Protein backbone atom coordinates (compact mmCIF):
# COMPACT_ATOMS: atom_id res chain seq x y z
CA MET A 1 67.58 92.52 193.51
CA VAL A 2 64.30 90.71 194.23
CA VAL A 3 63.25 87.26 196.06
CA LEU A 4 62.37 85.07 193.07
CA HIS A 5 58.78 83.97 193.25
CA ARG A 6 56.42 82.36 190.08
CA GLU A 7 54.14 84.43 192.08
CA ALA A 8 55.15 87.68 191.73
CA HIS A 9 56.83 87.03 188.51
CA GLY A 10 55.13 84.37 186.53
CA GLN A 11 54.27 87.07 183.62
CA GLN A 12 57.65 88.01 183.91
CA ARG A 13 59.75 87.37 180.84
CA TRP A 14 63.86 88.39 180.68
CA ASP A 15 64.95 88.87 176.92
CA ALA A 16 68.71 88.17 176.87
CA LYS A 17 69.52 90.25 174.11
CA ALA A 18 68.11 93.10 175.94
CA ASP A 19 69.98 92.58 179.22
CA ARG A 20 73.87 91.18 177.65
CA PHE A 21 76.66 92.29 179.34
CA GLY A 22 76.14 96.34 180.16
CA PHE A 23 75.61 95.46 183.97
CA ALA A 24 79.01 94.08 183.65
CA ARG A 25 80.18 97.77 182.87
CA GLY A 26 81.78 99.41 186.17
CA SER A 27 82.72 96.09 187.16
CA VAL A 28 86.88 95.44 187.52
CA THR A 29 87.07 91.61 189.11
CA ALA A 30 84.52 88.80 188.40
CA ALA A 31 85.16 85.53 191.14
CA ILE A 32 86.40 82.53 189.95
CA SER A 33 86.90 79.15 190.70
CA LEU A 34 88.96 76.96 189.93
CA SER A 35 87.37 75.10 187.03
CA GLU A 36 87.22 77.72 185.67
CA LEU A 37 90.96 79.16 186.10
CA ALA A 38 92.98 77.19 183.20
CA ALA A 39 90.68 78.71 180.80
CA ALA A 40 90.78 82.31 182.37
CA CYS A 41 94.12 82.70 183.19
CA THR A 42 94.78 82.65 179.47
CA VAL A 43 93.03 86.18 179.39
CA PHE A 44 92.80 88.10 182.41
CA PRO A 45 95.02 88.46 185.79
CA CYS A 46 93.97 86.31 188.29
CA VAL A 47 94.94 87.88 192.10
CA MET A 48 92.95 86.52 195.52
CA ALA A 49 91.52 89.25 198.00
CA ARG A 50 89.71 88.54 201.68
CA SER A 51 85.77 88.15 200.87
CA THR A 52 83.58 90.65 202.87
CA GLU A 53 81.40 87.39 204.36
CA GLY A 54 85.18 86.91 205.41
CA GLY A 55 86.72 84.63 203.52
CA TRP A 56 88.72 83.53 200.55
CA SER A 57 87.53 85.36 196.60
CA LEU A 58 89.93 84.18 193.48
CA LEU A 59 89.70 87.50 191.44
CA ALA A 60 90.01 87.85 187.34
CA ILE A 61 90.46 91.57 186.71
CA THR A 62 88.49 93.03 184.45
CA GLY A 63 89.70 96.55 184.81
CA LEU A 64 92.29 98.74 186.28
CA GLN A 65 90.39 101.65 187.20
CA PRO A 66 87.11 102.10 188.63
CA GLY A 67 83.84 101.69 187.25
CA HIS A 68 85.83 100.46 183.68
CA SER A 69 85.58 97.52 182.86
CA LEU A 70 87.70 96.79 179.67
CA PHE A 71 85.66 94.18 177.93
CA VAL A 72 82.65 95.38 177.92
CA ASP A 73 82.38 97.29 174.45
CA GLU A 74 79.70 100.26 174.77
CA HIS A 75 76.27 98.46 173.30
CA GLY A 76 76.69 95.91 176.77
CA ASN A 77 78.78 93.12 174.54
CA TRP A 78 81.45 90.76 176.39
CA GLU A 79 84.99 91.02 174.33
CA ALA A 80 86.67 88.53 176.20
CA ASP A 81 87.93 84.96 174.95
CA TYR A 82 86.16 83.58 178.66
CA LEU A 83 83.14 84.18 180.82
CA PRO A 84 83.69 84.03 184.12
CA ALA A 85 80.35 82.03 185.14
CA THR A 86 79.28 84.96 187.86
CA LEU A 87 78.71 86.88 185.00
CA ALA A 88 76.73 83.94 182.72
CA SER A 89 74.18 83.36 185.26
CA TRP A 90 73.22 87.15 184.85
CA PRO A 91 70.39 88.34 186.08
CA PHE A 92 70.42 85.42 188.89
CA ARG A 93 71.90 85.38 192.37
CA LEU A 94 71.86 83.82 195.21
CA VAL A 95 71.53 85.46 198.69
CA ARG A 96 71.30 83.97 201.71
CA GLU A 97 67.63 84.34 203.96
CA GLY A 98 67.93 86.94 207.07
CA GLY A 99 72.26 86.52 206.90
CA ASP A 100 74.95 84.29 206.51
CA ALA A 101 72.86 81.59 208.81
CA GLY A 102 70.08 81.62 206.71
CA ARG A 103 69.31 79.28 203.54
CA PHE A 104 70.48 79.96 200.00
CA LEU A 105 67.64 81.67 198.39
CA VAL A 106 67.74 82.67 194.71
CA ALA A 107 67.33 86.45 194.16
CA VAL A 108 66.68 87.92 190.38
CA HIS A 109 67.50 92.49 188.92
CA SER A 110 64.08 93.11 188.80
CA PRO A 111 65.36 95.90 186.03
CA SER A 112 66.57 92.51 183.82
CA LEU A 113 62.39 91.48 183.28
CA ASN A 114 59.78 92.02 180.85
CA THR A 115 55.78 91.52 180.12
CA SER A 116 56.41 90.98 176.59
CA GLU A 117 59.68 90.64 175.13
CA GLY A 118 62.46 87.66 175.41
CA GLU A 119 61.39 84.28 177.54
CA ALA A 120 59.40 83.61 180.05
CA LEU A 121 60.70 82.45 183.33
CA PHE A 122 57.62 79.66 184.39
CA ASP A 123 54.86 78.10 182.25
CA GLU A 124 51.52 78.25 182.50
CA ALA A 125 50.93 76.36 184.87
CA GLY A 126 53.47 77.86 187.61
CA ILE A 127 56.93 75.92 186.67
CA GLU A 128 59.93 77.08 186.62
CA MET A 129 60.48 76.93 182.50
CA PRO A 130 63.80 74.15 181.29
CA TRP A 131 66.02 76.87 180.21
CA LEU A 132 65.66 78.58 183.50
CA SER A 133 65.86 75.64 185.98
CA GLU A 134 69.15 75.37 183.69
CA ARG A 135 70.34 78.12 184.62
CA LEU A 136 69.36 77.69 188.85
CA ARG A 137 71.32 74.41 188.30
CA ALA A 138 74.33 76.83 187.05
CA LEU A 139 74.42 78.83 189.55
CA VAL A 140 74.04 76.09 191.96
CA ALA A 141 77.03 74.86 190.94
CA THR A 142 78.40 77.82 190.13
CA ASP A 143 78.22 78.29 194.31
CA ALA A 144 79.44 75.44 195.29
CA ALA A 145 82.86 76.04 193.04
CA LEU A 146 83.83 79.11 194.58
CA ALA A 147 82.77 77.89 197.97
CA ASP A 148 85.54 74.97 197.51
CA THR A 149 88.11 77.87 195.49
CA SER A 150 88.01 79.83 199.55
CA ARG A 151 88.64 76.88 200.49
CA LEU A 152 92.14 76.14 198.49
CA ILE A 153 93.02 79.96 198.65
CA GLU A 154 93.04 79.74 203.00
CA ALA A 155 94.84 76.03 202.22
CA LEU A 156 98.28 78.18 201.10
CA ASP A 157 97.50 80.60 203.17
CA GLN A 158 97.09 78.96 205.51
CA ALA A 159 100.32 77.48 204.07
CA GLY A 160 102.18 80.48 204.15
CA LEU A 161 102.42 81.78 200.47
CA LEU A 162 99.97 84.79 200.32
CA HIS A 163 101.34 87.82 200.44
CA ALA A 164 99.85 91.45 199.58
CA ARG A 165 100.78 93.00 196.26
CA THR A 166 100.30 96.37 194.34
CA LEU A 167 99.69 96.01 190.61
CA GLN A 168 100.98 99.32 188.80
CA ALA A 169 101.57 100.19 185.59
CA VAL A 170 102.16 103.09 183.45
CA LEU A 171 98.70 103.84 180.57
CA ALA A 172 99.33 106.10 177.25
CA ASP A 173 98.00 109.55 178.50
CA GLY A 174 101.01 109.15 181.56
CA ARG A 175 98.28 108.66 184.41
CA ASP A 176 99.93 106.21 187.18
CA ILE A 177 97.96 103.32 188.04
CA GLU A 178 97.84 101.48 191.46
CA LEU A 179 95.41 98.25 191.74
CA ASN A 180 95.60 97.48 195.67
CA GLY A 181 94.34 94.76 198.27
CA PHE A 182 95.50 92.06 196.06
CA LEU A 183 97.23 88.52 197.11
CA THR A 184 99.56 86.73 195.12
CA VAL A 185 101.59 83.38 195.38
CA ASP A 186 104.88 83.84 196.80
CA GLU A 187 106.81 82.00 194.26
CA ALA A 188 109.88 81.43 195.84
CA LEU A 189 108.09 80.43 199.17
CA LEU A 190 106.08 77.25 196.98
CA ALA A 191 109.92 76.61 196.05
CA GLU A 192 110.77 75.66 199.31
CA LEU A 193 107.45 74.62 201.25
CA PRO A 194 108.31 70.36 202.59
CA ALA A 195 107.44 67.64 200.18
CA ASP A 196 104.89 66.78 202.35
CA GLN A 197 103.32 69.97 202.98
CA LEU A 198 103.06 70.66 198.83
CA HIS A 199 101.78 67.56 198.49
CA ALA A 200 99.39 68.21 200.38
CA LEU A 201 98.61 70.85 198.78
CA HIS A 202 98.92 68.93 195.60
CA THR A 203 95.68 66.21 195.85
CA SER A 204 93.18 68.80 197.82
CA GLY A 205 93.87 70.97 193.87
CA ALA A 206 95.14 74.56 196.25
CA LEU A 207 99.03 73.29 194.09
CA SER A 208 96.74 73.59 191.08
CA LEU A 209 95.73 76.68 192.07
CA ALA A 210 98.64 79.19 192.60
CA TYR A 211 100.46 77.46 189.15
CA LEU A 212 97.61 78.63 187.34
CA HIS A 213 97.57 81.93 189.00
CA LEU A 214 101.25 82.89 188.72
CA LEU A 215 100.40 81.81 185.11
CA SER A 216 97.96 83.92 184.80
CA MET A 217 100.05 87.45 186.43
CA ARG A 218 101.63 87.36 182.48
CA ARG A 219 97.79 88.79 181.58
CA PHE A 220 98.90 91.99 182.87
CA ARG A 221 100.94 93.43 180.98
CA ALA A 222 98.54 92.78 178.29
CA LEU A 223 95.74 93.57 179.95
CA VAL A 224 97.46 97.02 180.73
CA ALA A 225 98.05 97.03 176.81
CA ARG A 226 94.29 96.68 176.26
CA ALA A 227 93.83 100.11 178.73
CA SER A 228 96.62 101.76 176.47
CA GLN A 229 94.30 101.11 173.68
CA ARG A 230 90.98 101.95 174.75
CA GLN A 231 93.09 105.11 175.82
CA THR A 232 93.89 105.94 172.41
CA GLU A 233 90.81 105.13 170.63
CA ALA A 234 88.52 107.27 172.99
CA ALA A 235 90.66 110.16 173.26
CA GLU A 236 91.33 110.18 168.92
CA PHE A 237 87.26 110.12 169.11
CA ALA A 238 87.31 112.65 170.78
CA ALA A 239 89.83 114.32 168.62
């Protein structure tokens, strides 16, 4: 990733059809925000985790084995009914200048760019093309939504509702899979919360996050079935 700059990238183009989602083939989670959770919870199991910056992340689980997404095919096509905003923003990301205290800058995955195919990033005057301006606005909005979601997860943690959980599965070839490092809402503790705490979580939006997260966990079995189906298809192809 390099910082996007009109001088350095004034002649660059991005070909969305060529780039597609091959970049996400090795990812088994995707960060999402509360605003996405109503749609994402019907497709992926969604869990919480501490982020590397010390905050919280809400993660859609997209694979069961490191390096193997279950929703990107061999041609780089996205196969799920919902596309997380953090993936839709590719090949652009926000980065902080000079570490955590710095201002945000827009970075771009330079190997995704070229000088001949796709949409130009800037016009002849060095002004962002409308499509790029819209994508960058969406990028900023997504980052703000992720920050808000982190604060809501913190509220759930402060209420004592989060606990570490190991997700276990048996694949079609008999292998046992364990996913660690995630946290989920303890439904029993949630049911026992006093009314005033429930009200505070409700008004903040954290209660909606908790219930949609719990609903999403029903998708774990479907994710295991998808992984097993892929294994079976790969074995048949190799035979």
